[in-house]
Amino acid sequence: IVVFIMNSAPVAAALSNDGVEDYTVATGQ
C-alpha cells in the first residue's frame, strides 16, 4: 500500500514541489 501511494501522481507531484525529482520506493526484494 505504501509503495502504491508513493508512486501515485499526487504524491509524486508533491515531492517534486519539495525538490525530490528522482526517487523510488520498493518492498522486500
mmCIF file of all heavy atoms, coordinates in Angstrom:
data_MODEL
# 
_entry.id   MODEL 
# 
loop_
_atom_site.group_PDB 
_atom_site.id 
_atom_site.type_symbol 
_atom_site.label_atom_id 
_atom_site.label_alt_id 
_atom_site.label_comp_id 
_atom_site.label_asym_id 
_atom_site.label_entity_id 
_atom_site.label_seq_id 
_atom_site.pdbx_PDB_ins_code 
_atom_site.Cartn_x 
_atom_site.Cartn_y 
_atom_site.Cartn_z 
_atom_site.occupancy 
_atom_site.B_iso_or_equiv 
_atom_site.pdbx_formal_charge 
_atom_site.auth_seq_id 
_atom_site.auth_comp_id 
_atom_site.auth_asym_id 
_atom_site.auth_atom_id 
_atom_site.pdbx_PDB_model_num 
ATOM 1   N N   . ILE A 1 1  ? 0.839  -1.203  0.000   1.00 0.00 ? 1  ILE A N   1 
ATOM 2   C CA  . ILE A 1 1  ? 0.000  0.000   0.000   1.00 0.00 ? 1  ILE A CA  1 
ATOM 3   C C   . ILE A 1 1  ? 0.872  1.250   0.000   1.00 0.00 ? 1  ILE A C   1 
ATOM 4   O O   . ILE A 1 1  ? 0.602  2.226   -0.714  1.00 0.00 ? 1  ILE A O   1 
ATOM 5   C CB  . ILE A 1 1  ? -0.954 -0.026  1.212   1.00 0.00 ? 1  ILE A CB  1 
ATOM 6   C CG1 . ILE A 1 1  ? -1.931 -1.197  1.094   1.00 0.00 ? 1  ILE A CG1 1 
ATOM 7   C CG2 . ILE A 1 1  ? -1.694 1.296   1.340   1.00 0.00 ? 1  ILE A CG2 1 
ATOM 8   C CD1 . ILE A 1 1  ? -2.839 -1.380  2.288   1.00 0.00 ? 1  ILE A CD1 1 
ATOM 9   N N   . VAL A 1 2  ? 1.943  1.228   0.792   1.00 0.00 ? 2  VAL A N   1 
ATOM 10  C CA  . VAL A 1 2  ? 2.842  2.379   0.849   1.00 0.00 ? 2  VAL A CA  1 
ATOM 11  C C   . VAL A 1 2  ? 3.485  2.624   -0.513  1.00 0.00 ? 2  VAL A C   1 
ATOM 12  O O   . VAL A 1 2  ? 3.555  3.763   -0.993  1.00 0.00 ? 2  VAL A O   1 
ATOM 13  C CB  . VAL A 1 2  ? 3.915  2.156   1.936   1.00 0.00 ? 2  VAL A CB  1 
ATOM 14  C CG1 . VAL A 1 2  ? 5.018  3.203   1.828   1.00 0.00 ? 2  VAL A CG1 1 
ATOM 15  C CG2 . VAL A 1 2  ? 3.283  2.207   3.319   1.00 0.00 ? 2  VAL A CG2 1 
ATOM 16  N N   . VAL A 1 3  ? 3.938  1.558   -1.157  1.00 0.00 ? 3  VAL A N   1 
ATOM 17  C CA  . VAL A 1 3  ? 4.559  1.711   -2.476  1.00 0.00 ? 3  VAL A CA  1 
ATOM 18  C C   . VAL A 1 3  ? 3.546  2.276   -3.466  1.00 0.00 ? 3  VAL A C   1 
ATOM 19  O O   . VAL A 1 3  ? 3.870  3.163   -4.268  1.00 0.00 ? 3  VAL A O   1 
ATOM 20  C CB  . VAL A 1 3  ? 5.110  0.353   -2.966  1.00 0.00 ? 3  VAL A CB  1 
ATOM 21  C CG1 . VAL A 1 3  ? 5.563  0.446   -4.413  1.00 0.00 ? 3  VAL A CG1 1 
ATOM 22  C CG2 . VAL A 1 3  ? 6.263  -0.091  -2.080  1.00 0.00 ? 3  VAL A CG2 1 
ATOM 23  N N   . PHE A 1 4  ? 2.313  1.772   -3.424  1.00 0.00 ? 4  PHE A N   1 
ATOM 24  C CA  . PHE A 1 4  ? 1.282  2.258   -4.342  1.00 0.00 ? 4  PHE A CA  1 
ATOM 25  C C   . PHE A 1 4  ? 1.017  3.747   -4.128  1.00 0.00 ? 4  PHE A C   1 
ATOM 26  O O   . PHE A 1 4  ? 0.893  4.523   -5.090  1.00 0.00 ? 4  PHE A O   1 
ATOM 27  C CB  . PHE A 1 4  ? -0.006 1.445   -4.145  1.00 0.00 ? 4  PHE A CB  1 
ATOM 28  C CG  . PHE A 1 4  ? -1.138 1.888   -5.019  1.00 0.00 ? 4  PHE A CG  1 
ATOM 29  C CD1 . PHE A 1 4  ? -1.201 1.490   -6.343  1.00 0.00 ? 4  PHE A CD1 1 
ATOM 30  C CD2 . PHE A 1 4  ? -2.133 2.712   -4.517  1.00 0.00 ? 4  PHE A CD2 1 
ATOM 31  C CE1 . PHE A 1 4  ? -2.243 1.900   -7.154  1.00 0.00 ? 4  PHE A CE1 1 
ATOM 32  C CE2 . PHE A 1 4  ? -3.180 3.136   -5.318  1.00 0.00 ? 4  PHE A CE2 1 
ATOM 33  C CZ  . PHE A 1 4  ? -3.231 2.722   -6.643  1.00 0.00 ? 4  PHE A CZ  1 
ATOM 34  N N   . ILE A 1 5  ? 0.925  4.151   -2.873  1.00 0.00 ? 5  ILE A N   1 
ATOM 35  C CA  . ILE A 1 5  ? 0.649  5.563   -2.579  1.00 0.00 ? 5  ILE A CA  1 
ATOM 36  C C   . ILE A 1 5  ? 1.814  6.440   -3.025  1.00 0.00 ? 5  ILE A C   1 
ATOM 37  O O   . ILE A 1 5  ? 1.614  7.493   -3.647  1.00 0.00 ? 5  ILE A O   1 
ATOM 38  C CB  . ILE A 1 5  ? 0.379  5.743   -1.071  1.00 0.00 ? 5  ILE A CB  1 
ATOM 39  C CG1 . ILE A 1 5  ? -0.935 5.052   -0.679  1.00 0.00 ? 5  ILE A CG1 1 
ATOM 40  C CG2 . ILE A 1 5  ? 0.331  7.224   -0.700  1.00 0.00 ? 5  ILE A CG2 1 
ATOM 41  C CD1 . ILE A 1 5  ? -1.212 5.066   0.810   1.00 0.00 ? 5  ILE A CD1 1 
ATOM 42  N N   . MET A 1 6  ? 3.038  6.003   -2.742  1.00 0.00 ? 6  MET A N   1 
ATOM 43  C CA  . MET A 1 6  ? 4.196  6.833   -3.067  1.00 0.00 ? 6  MET A CA  1 
ATOM 44  C C   . MET A 1 6  ? 4.429  6.931   -4.571  1.00 0.00 ? 6  MET A C   1 
ATOM 45  O O   . MET A 1 6  ? 5.076  7.871   -5.041  1.00 0.00 ? 6  MET A O   1 
ATOM 46  C CB  . MET A 1 6  ? 5.443  6.274   -2.382  1.00 0.00 ? 6  MET A CB  1 
ATOM 47  C CG  . MET A 1 6  ? 5.370  6.315   -0.857  1.00 0.00 ? 6  MET A CG  1 
ATOM 48  S SD  . MET A 1 6  ? 5.118  7.984   -0.210  1.00 0.00 ? 6  MET A SD  1 
ATOM 49  C CE  . MET A 1 6  ? 6.634  8.775   -0.708  1.00 0.00 ? 6  MET A CE  1 
ATOM 50  N N   . ASN A 1 7  ? 3.917  5.978   -5.330  1.00 0.00 ? 7  ASN A N   1 
ATOM 51  C CA  . ASN A 1 7  ? 4.056  6.028   -6.779  1.00 0.00 ? 7  ASN A CA  1 
ATOM 52  C C   . ASN A 1 7  ? 2.903  6.749   -7.467  1.00 0.00 ? 7  ASN A C   1 
ATOM 53  O O   . ASN A 1 7  ? 2.914  6.879   -8.695  1.00 0.00 ? 7  ASN A O   1 
ATOM 54  C CB  . ASN A 1 7  ? 4.175  4.607   -7.354  1.00 0.00 ? 7  ASN A CB  1 
ATOM 55  C CG  . ASN A 1 7  ? 5.503  3.964   -7.007  1.00 0.00 ? 7  ASN A CG  1 
ATOM 56  O OD1 . ASN A 1 7  ? 6.495  4.637   -6.785  1.00 0.00 ? 7  ASN A OD1 1 
ATOM 57  N ND2 . ASN A 1 7  ? 5.518  2.640   -6.955  1.00 0.00 ? 7  ASN A ND2 1 
ATOM 58  N N   . SER A 1 8  ? 1.924  7.174   -6.700  1.00 0.00 ? 8  SER A N   1 
ATOM 59  C CA  . SER A 1 8  ? 0.774  7.847   -7.299  1.00 0.00 ? 8  SER A CA  1 
ATOM 60  C C   . SER A 1 8  ? 1.157  9.244   -7.775  1.00 0.00 ? 8  SER A C   1 
ATOM 61  O O   . SER A 1 8  ? 2.113  9.859   -7.286  1.00 0.00 ? 8  SER A O   1 
ATOM 62  C CB  . SER A 1 8  ? -0.369 7.942   -6.278  1.00 0.00 ? 8  SER A CB  1 
ATOM 63  O OG  . SER A 1 8  ? 0.015  8.732   -5.166  1.00 0.00 ? 8  SER A OG  1 
ATOM 64  N N   . ALA A 1 9  ? 0.400  9.762   -8.717  1.00 0.00 ? 9  ALA A N   1 
ATOM 65  C CA  . ALA A 1 9  ? 0.707  11.063  -9.317  1.00 0.00 ? 9  ALA A CA  1 
ATOM 66  C C   . ALA A 1 9  ? 0.628  12.211  -8.311  1.00 0.00 ? 9  ALA A C   1 
ATOM 67  O O   . ALA A 1 9  ? 1.506  13.091  -8.319  1.00 0.00 ? 9  ALA A O   1 
ATOM 68  C CB  . ALA A 1 9  ? -0.229 11.312  -10.499 1.00 0.00 ? 9  ALA A CB  1 
ATOM 69  N N   . PRO A 1 10 ? -0.382 12.276  -7.429  1.00 0.00 ? 10 PRO A N   1 
ATOM 70  C CA  . PRO A 1 10 ? -0.423 13.399  -6.473  1.00 0.00 ? 10 PRO A CA  1 
ATOM 71  C C   . PRO A 1 10 ? 0.786  13.437  -5.543  1.00 0.00 ? 10 PRO A C   1 
ATOM 72  O O   . PRO A 1 10 ? 1.339  14.514  -5.282  1.00 0.00 ? 10 PRO A O   1 
ATOM 73  C CB  . PRO A 1 10 ? -1.720 13.148  -5.694  1.00 0.00 ? 10 PRO A CB  1 
ATOM 74  C CG  . PRO A 1 10 ? -2.560 12.311  -6.594  1.00 0.00 ? 10 PRO A CG  1 
ATOM 75  C CD  . PRO A 1 10 ? -1.602 11.441  -7.328  1.00 0.00 ? 10 PRO A CD  1 
ATOM 76  N N   . VAL A 1 11 ? 1.213  12.272  -5.037  1.00 0.00 ? 11 VAL A N   1 
ATOM 77  C CA  . VAL A 1 11 ? 2.367  12.244  -4.145  1.00 0.00 ? 11 VAL A CA  1 
ATOM 78  C C   . VAL A 1 11 ? 3.634  12.608  -4.901  1.00 0.00 ? 11 VAL A C   1 
ATOM 79  O O   . VAL A 1 11 ? 4.494  13.347  -4.401  1.00 0.00 ? 11 VAL A O   1 
ATOM 80  C CB  . VAL A 1 11 ? 2.492  10.866  -3.480  1.00 0.00 ? 11 VAL A CB  1 
ATOM 81  C CG1 . VAL A 1 11 ? 3.779  10.773  -2.666  1.00 0.00 ? 11 VAL A CG1 1 
ATOM 82  C CG2 . VAL A 1 11 ? 1.292  10.595  -2.585  1.00 0.00 ? 11 VAL A CG2 1 
ATOM 83  N N   . ALA A 1 12 ? 3.779  12.100  -6.126  1.00 0.00 ? 12 ALA A N   1 
ATOM 84  C CA  . ALA A 1 12 ? 4.949  12.438  -6.933  1.00 0.00 ? 12 ALA A CA  1 
ATOM 85  C C   . ALA A 1 12 ? 5.005  13.933  -7.209  1.00 0.00 ? 12 ALA A C   1 
ATOM 86  O O   . ALA A 1 12 ? 6.080  14.545  -7.165  1.00 0.00 ? 12 ALA A O   1 
ATOM 87  C CB  . ALA A 1 12 ? 4.922  11.653  -8.240  1.00 0.00 ? 12 ALA A CB  1 
ATOM 88  N N   . ALA A 1 13 ? 3.843  14.540  -7.459  1.00 0.00 ? 13 ALA A N   1 
ATOM 89  C CA  . ALA A 1 13 ? 3.815  15.980  -7.702  1.00 0.00 ? 13 ALA A CA  1 
ATOM 90  C C   . ALA A 1 13 ? 4.172  16.758  -6.438  1.00 0.00 ? 13 ALA A C   1 
ATOM 91  O O   . ALA A 1 13 ? 4.901  17.763  -6.500  1.00 0.00 ? 13 ALA A O   1 
ATOM 92  C CB  . ALA A 1 13 ? 2.432  16.388  -8.206  1.00 0.00 ? 13 ALA A CB  1 
ATOM 93  N N   . ALA A 1 14 ? 3.690  16.284  -5.286  1.00 0.00 ? 14 ALA A N   1 
ATOM 94  C CA  . ALA A 1 14 ? 4.008  16.966  -4.024  1.00 0.00 ? 14 ALA A CA  1 
ATOM 95  C C   . ALA A 1 14 ? 5.499  16.886  -3.724  1.00 0.00 ? 14 ALA A C   1 
ATOM 96  O O   . ALA A 1 14 ? 6.120  17.867  -3.308  1.00 0.00 ? 14 ALA A O   1 
ATOM 97  C CB  . ALA A 1 14 ? 3.197  16.343  -2.890  1.00 0.00 ? 14 ALA A CB  1 
ATOM 98  N N   . LEU A 1 15 ? 6.098  15.720  -3.939  1.00 0.00 ? 15 LEU A N   1 
ATOM 99  C CA  . LEU A 1 15 ? 7.534  15.572  -3.713  1.00 0.00 ? 15 LEU A CA  1 
ATOM 100 C C   . LEU A 1 15 ? 8.338  16.392  -4.718  1.00 0.00 ? 15 LEU A C   1 
ATOM 101 O O   . LEU A 1 15 ? 9.401  16.939  -4.377  1.00 0.00 ? 15 LEU A O   1 
ATOM 102 C CB  . LEU A 1 15 ? 7.931  14.107  -3.795  1.00 0.00 ? 15 LEU A CB  1 
ATOM 103 C CG  . LEU A 1 15 ? 7.531  13.246  -2.584  1.00 0.00 ? 15 LEU A CG  1 
ATOM 104 C CD1 . LEU A 1 15 ? 7.799  11.775  -2.864  1.00 0.00 ? 15 LEU A CD1 1 
ATOM 105 C CD2 . LEU A 1 15 ? 8.281  13.694  -1.336  1.00 0.00 ? 15 LEU A CD2 1 
ATOM 106 N N   . SER A 1 16 ? 7.847  16.492  -5.937  1.00 0.00 ? 16 SER A N   1 
ATOM 107 C CA  . SER A 1 16 ? 8.537  17.317  -6.930  1.00 0.00 ? 16 SER A CA  1 
ATOM 108 C C   . SER A 1 16 ? 8.557  18.773  -6.508  1.00 0.00 ? 16 SER A C   1 
ATOM 109 O O   . SER A 1 16 ? 9.568  19.471  -6.659  1.00 0.00 ? 16 SER A O   1 
ATOM 110 C CB  . SER A 1 16 ? 7.865  17.156  -8.292  1.00 0.00 ? 16 SER A CB  1 
ATOM 111 O OG  . SER A 1 16 ? 8.478  17.962  -9.262  1.00 0.00 ? 16 SER A OG  1 
ATOM 112 N N   . ASN A 1 17 ? 7.455  19.227  -5.970  1.00 0.00 ? 17 ASN A N   1 
ATOM 113 C CA  . ASN A 1 17 ? 7.421  20.602  -5.465  1.00 0.00 ? 17 ASN A CA  1 
ATOM 114 C C   . ASN A 1 17 ? 8.351  20.798  -4.275  1.00 0.00 ? 17 ASN A C   1 
ATOM 115 O O   . ASN A 1 17 ? 8.814  21.906  -4.015  1.00 0.00 ? 17 ASN A O   1 
ATOM 116 C CB  . ASN A 1 17 ? 5.989  20.973  -5.059  1.00 0.00 ? 17 ASN A CB  1 
ATOM 117 C CG  . ASN A 1 17 ? 5.047  21.033  -6.246  1.00 0.00 ? 17 ASN A CG  1 
ATOM 118 O OD1 . ASN A 1 17 ? 5.478  21.317  -7.366  1.00 0.00 ? 17 ASN A OD1 1 
ATOM 119 N ND2 . ASN A 1 17 ? 3.760  20.780  -6.008  1.00 0.00 ? 17 ASN A ND2 1 
ATOM 120 N N   . ASP A 1 18 ? 8.632  19.686  -3.579  1.00 0.00 ? 18 ASP A N   1 
ATOM 121 C CA  . ASP A 1 18 ? 9.539  19.749  -2.426  1.00 0.00 ? 18 ASP A CA  1 
ATOM 122 C C   . ASP A 1 18 ? 10.993 19.540  -2.839  1.00 0.00 ? 18 ASP A C   1 
ATOM 123 O O   . ASP A 1 18 ? 11.882 19.455  -1.992  1.00 0.00 ? 18 ASP A O   1 
ATOM 124 C CB  . ASP A 1 18 ? 9.124  18.677  -1.406  1.00 0.00 ? 18 ASP A CB  1 
ATOM 125 C CG  . ASP A 1 18 ? 9.732  18.937  -0.030  1.00 0.00 ? 18 ASP A CG  1 
ATOM 126 O OD1 . ASP A 1 18 ? 10.059 20.115  0.282   1.00 0.00 ? 18 ASP A OD1 1 
ATOM 127 O OD2 . ASP A 1 18 ? 9.914  17.965  0.723   1.00 0.00 ? 18 ASP A OD2 1 
ATOM 128 N N   . GLY A 1 19 ? 11.241 19.413  -4.149  1.00 0.00 ? 19 GLY A N   1 
ATOM 129 C CA  . GLY A 1 19 ? 12.603 19.288  -4.646  1.00 0.00 ? 19 GLY A CA  1 
ATOM 130 C C   . GLY A 1 19 ? 13.084 17.868  -4.845  1.00 0.00 ? 19 GLY A C   1 
ATOM 131 O O   . GLY A 1 19 ? 14.267 17.645  -5.098  1.00 0.00 ? 19 GLY A O   1 
ATOM 132 N N   . VAL A 1 20 ? 12.171 16.892  -4.750  1.00 0.00 ? 20 VAL A N   1 
ATOM 133 C CA  . VAL A 1 20 ? 12.545 15.497  -4.942  1.00 0.00 ? 20 VAL A CA  1 
ATOM 134 C C   . VAL A 1 20 ? 12.042 15.057  -6.314  1.00 0.00 ? 20 VAL A C   1 
ATOM 135 O O   . VAL A 1 20 ? 10.841 14.856  -6.509  1.00 0.00 ? 20 VAL A O   1 
ATOM 136 C CB  . VAL A 1 20 ? 11.956 14.589  -3.844  1.00 0.00 ? 20 VAL A CB  1 
ATOM 137 C CG1 . VAL A 1 20 ? 12.402 13.149  -4.045  1.00 0.00 ? 20 VAL A CG1 1 
ATOM 138 C CG2 . VAL A 1 20 ? 12.367 15.094  -2.468  1.00 0.00 ? 20 VAL A CG2 1 
ATOM 139 N N   . GLU A 1 21 ? 12.949 14.902  -7.261  1.00 0.00 ? 21 GLU A N   1 
ATOM 140 C CA  . GLU A 1 21 ? 12.560 14.575  -8.626  1.00 0.00 ? 21 GLU A CA  1 
ATOM 141 C C   . GLU A 1 21 ? 12.717 13.077  -8.931  1.00 0.00 ? 21 GLU A C   1 
ATOM 142 O O   . GLU A 1 21 ? 11.873 12.476  -9.571  1.00 0.00 ? 21 GLU A O   1 
ATOM 143 C CB  . GLU A 1 21 ? 13.404 15.376  -9.627  1.00 0.00 ? 21 GLU A CB  1 
ATOM 144 C CG  . GLU A 1 21 ? 13.182 16.878  -9.547  1.00 0.00 ? 21 GLU A CG  1 
ATOM 145 C CD  . GLU A 1 21 ? 11.820 17.294  -10.080 1.00 0.00 ? 21 GLU A CD  1 
ATOM 146 O OE1 . GLU A 1 21 ? 11.153 16.472  -10.741 1.00 0.00 ? 21 GLU A OE1 1 
ATOM 147 O OE2 . GLU A 1 21 ? 11.414 18.444  -9.826  1.00 0.00 ? 21 GLU A OE2 1 
ATOM 148 N N   . ASP A 1 22 ? 13.802 12.489  -8.495  1.00 0.00 ? 22 ASP A N   1 
ATOM 149 C CA  . ASP A 1 22 ? 14.115 11.105  -8.872  1.00 0.00 ? 22 ASP A CA  1 
ATOM 150 C C   . ASP A 1 22 ? 14.159 10.246  -7.614  1.00 0.00 ? 22 ASP A C   1 
ATOM 151 O O   . ASP A 1 22 ? 15.146 10.243  -6.876  1.00 0.00 ? 22 ASP A O   1 
ATOM 152 C CB  . ASP A 1 22 ? 15.461 11.063  -9.604  1.00 0.00 ? 22 ASP A CB  1 
ATOM 153 C CG  . ASP A 1 22 ? 15.717 9.720   -10.272 1.00 0.00 ? 22 ASP A CG  1 
ATOM 154 O OD1 . ASP A 1 22 ? 14.887 8.804   -10.091 1.00 0.00 ? 22 ASP A OD1 1 
ATOM 155 O OD2 . ASP A 1 22 ? 16.742 9.583   -10.964 1.00 0.00 ? 22 ASP A OD2 1 
ATOM 156 N N   . TYR A 1 23 ? 13.086 9.527   -7.360  1.00 0.00 ? 23 TYR A N   1 
ATOM 157 C CA  . TYR A 1 23 ? 13.016 8.654   -6.189  1.00 0.00 ? 23 TYR A CA  1 
ATOM 158 C C   . TYR A 1 23 ? 12.241 7.400   -6.559  1.00 0.00 ? 23 TYR A C   1 
ATOM 159 O O   . TYR A 1 23 ? 11.429 7.386   -7.491  1.00 0.00 ? 23 TYR A O   1 
ATOM 160 C CB  . TYR A 1 23 ? 12.332 9.358   -5.016  1.00 0.00 ? 23 TYR A CB  1 
ATOM 161 C CG  . TYR A 1 23 ? 10.829 9.457   -5.158  1.00 0.00 ? 23 TYR A CG  1 
ATOM 162 C CD1 . TYR A 1 23 ? 9.996  8.490   -4.603  1.00 0.00 ? 23 TYR A CD1 1 
ATOM 163 C CD2 . TYR A 1 23 ? 10.241 10.490  -5.879  1.00 0.00 ? 23 TYR A CD2 1 
ATOM 164 C CE1 . TYR A 1 23 ? 8.614  8.561   -4.743  1.00 0.00 ? 23 TYR A CE1 1 
ATOM 165 C CE2 . TYR A 1 23 ? 8.874  10.580  -6.025  1.00 0.00 ? 23 TYR A CE2 1 
ATOM 166 C CZ  . TYR A 1 23 ? 8.063  9.612   -5.460  1.00 0.00 ? 23 TYR A CZ  1 
ATOM 167 O OH  . TYR A 1 23 ? 6.694  9.688   -5.613  1.00 0.00 ? 23 TYR A OH  1 
ATOM 168 N N   . THR A 1 24 ? 12.489 6.331   -5.842  1.00 0.00 ? 24 THR A N   1 
ATOM 169 C CA  . THR A 1 24 ? 11.721 5.098   -5.970  1.00 0.00 ? 24 THR A CA  1 
ATOM 170 C C   . THR A 1 24 ? 11.530 4.498   -4.588  1.00 0.00 ? 24 THR A C   1 
ATOM 171 O O   . THR A 1 24 ? 12.362 4.686   -3.686  1.00 0.00 ? 24 THR A O   1 
ATOM 172 C CB  . THR A 1 24 ? 12.421 4.061   -6.881  1.00 0.00 ? 24 THR A CB  1 
ATOM 173 O OG1 . THR A 1 24 ? 13.769 3.869   -6.431  1.00 0.00 ? 24 THR A OG1 1 
ATOM 174 C CG2 . THR A 1 24 ? 12.434 4.519   -8.319  1.00 0.00 ? 24 THR A CG2 1 
ATOM 175 N N   . VAL A 1 25 ? 10.440 3.766   -4.441  1.00 0.00 ? 25 VAL A N   1 
ATOM 176 C CA  . VAL A 1 25 ? 10.111 3.076   -3.197  1.00 0.00 ? 25 VAL A CA  1 
ATOM 177 C C   . VAL A 1 25 ? 9.741  1.646   -3.555  1.00 0.00 ? 25 VAL A C   1 
ATOM 178 O O   . VAL A 1 25 ? 8.977  1.418   -4.501  1.00 0.00 ? 25 VAL A O   1 
ATOM 179 C CB  . VAL A 1 25 ? 8.952  3.768   -2.460  1.00 0.00 ? 25 VAL A CB  1 
ATOM 180 C CG1 . VAL A 1 25 ? 8.626  3.032   -1.165  1.00 0.00 ? 25 VAL A CG1 1 
ATOM 181 C CG2 . VAL A 1 25 ? 9.297  5.224   -2.162  1.00 0.00 ? 25 VAL A CG2 1 
ATOM 182 N N   . ALA A 1 26 ? 10.305 0.681   -2.831  1.00 0.00 ? 26 ALA A N   1 
ATOM 183 C CA  . ALA A 1 26 ? 10.042 -0.731  -3.109  1.00 0.00 ? 26 ALA A CA  1 
ATOM 184 C C   . ALA A 1 26 ? 9.976  -1.505  -1.813  1.00 0.00 ? 26 ALA A C   1 
ATOM 185 O O   . ALA A 1 26 ? 10.459 -1.040  -0.764  1.00 0.00 ? 26 ALA A O   1 
ATOM 186 C CB  . ALA A 1 26 ? 11.125 -1.315  -4.018  1.00 0.00 ? 26 ALA A CB  1 
ATOM 187 N N   . THR A 1 27 ? 9.392  -2.683  -1.876  1.00 0.00 ? 27 THR A N   1 
ATOM 188 C CA  . THR A 1 27 ? 9.300  -3.553  -0.705  1.00 0.00 ? 27 THR A CA  1 
ATOM 189 C C   . THR A 1 27 ? 10.156 -4.787  -0.898  1.00 0.00 ? 27 THR A C   1 
ATOM 190 O O   . THR A 1 27 ? 10.305 -5.291  -2.014  1.00 0.00 ? 27 THR A O   1 
ATOM 191 C CB  . THR A 1 27 ? 7.851  -4.000  -0.461  1.00 0.00 ? 27 THR A CB  1 
ATOM 192 O OG1 . THR A 1 27 ? 7.394  -4.752  -1.587  1.00 0.00 ? 27 THR A OG1 1 
ATOM 193 C CG2 . THR A 1 27 ? 6.939  -2.813  -0.253  1.00 0.00 ? 27 THR A CG2 1 
ATOM 194 N N   . GLY A 1 28 ? 10.731 -5.279  0.178   1.00 0.00 ? 28 GLY A N   1 
ATOM 195 C CA  . GLY A 1 28 ? 11.461 -6.535  0.156   1.00 0.00 ? 28 GLY A CA  1 
ATOM 196 C C   . GLY A 1 28 ? 12.537 -6.584  -0.908  1.00 0.00 ? 28 GLY A C   1 
ATOM 197 O O   . GLY A 1 28 ? 13.431 -5.737  -0.965  1.00 0.00 ? 28 GLY A O   1 
ATOM 198 N N   . GLN A 1 29 ? 12.444 -7.567  -1.794  1.00 0.00 ? 29 GLN A N   1 
ATOM 199 C CA  . GLN A 1 29 ? 13.421 -7.764  -2.859  1.00 0.00 ? 29 GLN A CA  1 
ATOM 200 C C   . GLN A 1 29 ? 13.005 -7.073  -4.160  1.00 0.00 ? 29 GLN A C   1 
ATOM 201 O O   . GLN A 1 29 ? 13.555 -7.367  -5.215  1.00 0.00 ? 29 GLN A O   1 
ATOM 202 C CB  . GLN A 1 29 ? 13.596 -9.267  -3.122  1.00 0.00 ? 29 GLN A CB  1 
ATOM 203 C CG  . GLN A 1 29 ? 14.087 -10.044 -1.929  1.00 0.00 ? 29 GLN A CG  1 
ATOM 204 C CD  . GLN A 1 29 ? 15.446 -9.563  -1.452  1.00 0.00 ? 29 GLN A CD  1 
ATOM 205 O OE1 . GLN A 1 29 ? 16.339 -9.312  -2.260  1.00 0.00 ? 29 GLN A OE1 1 
ATOM 206 N NE2 . GLN A 1 29 ? 15.613 -9.445  -0.141  1.00 0.00 ? 29 GLN A NE2 1 
# 
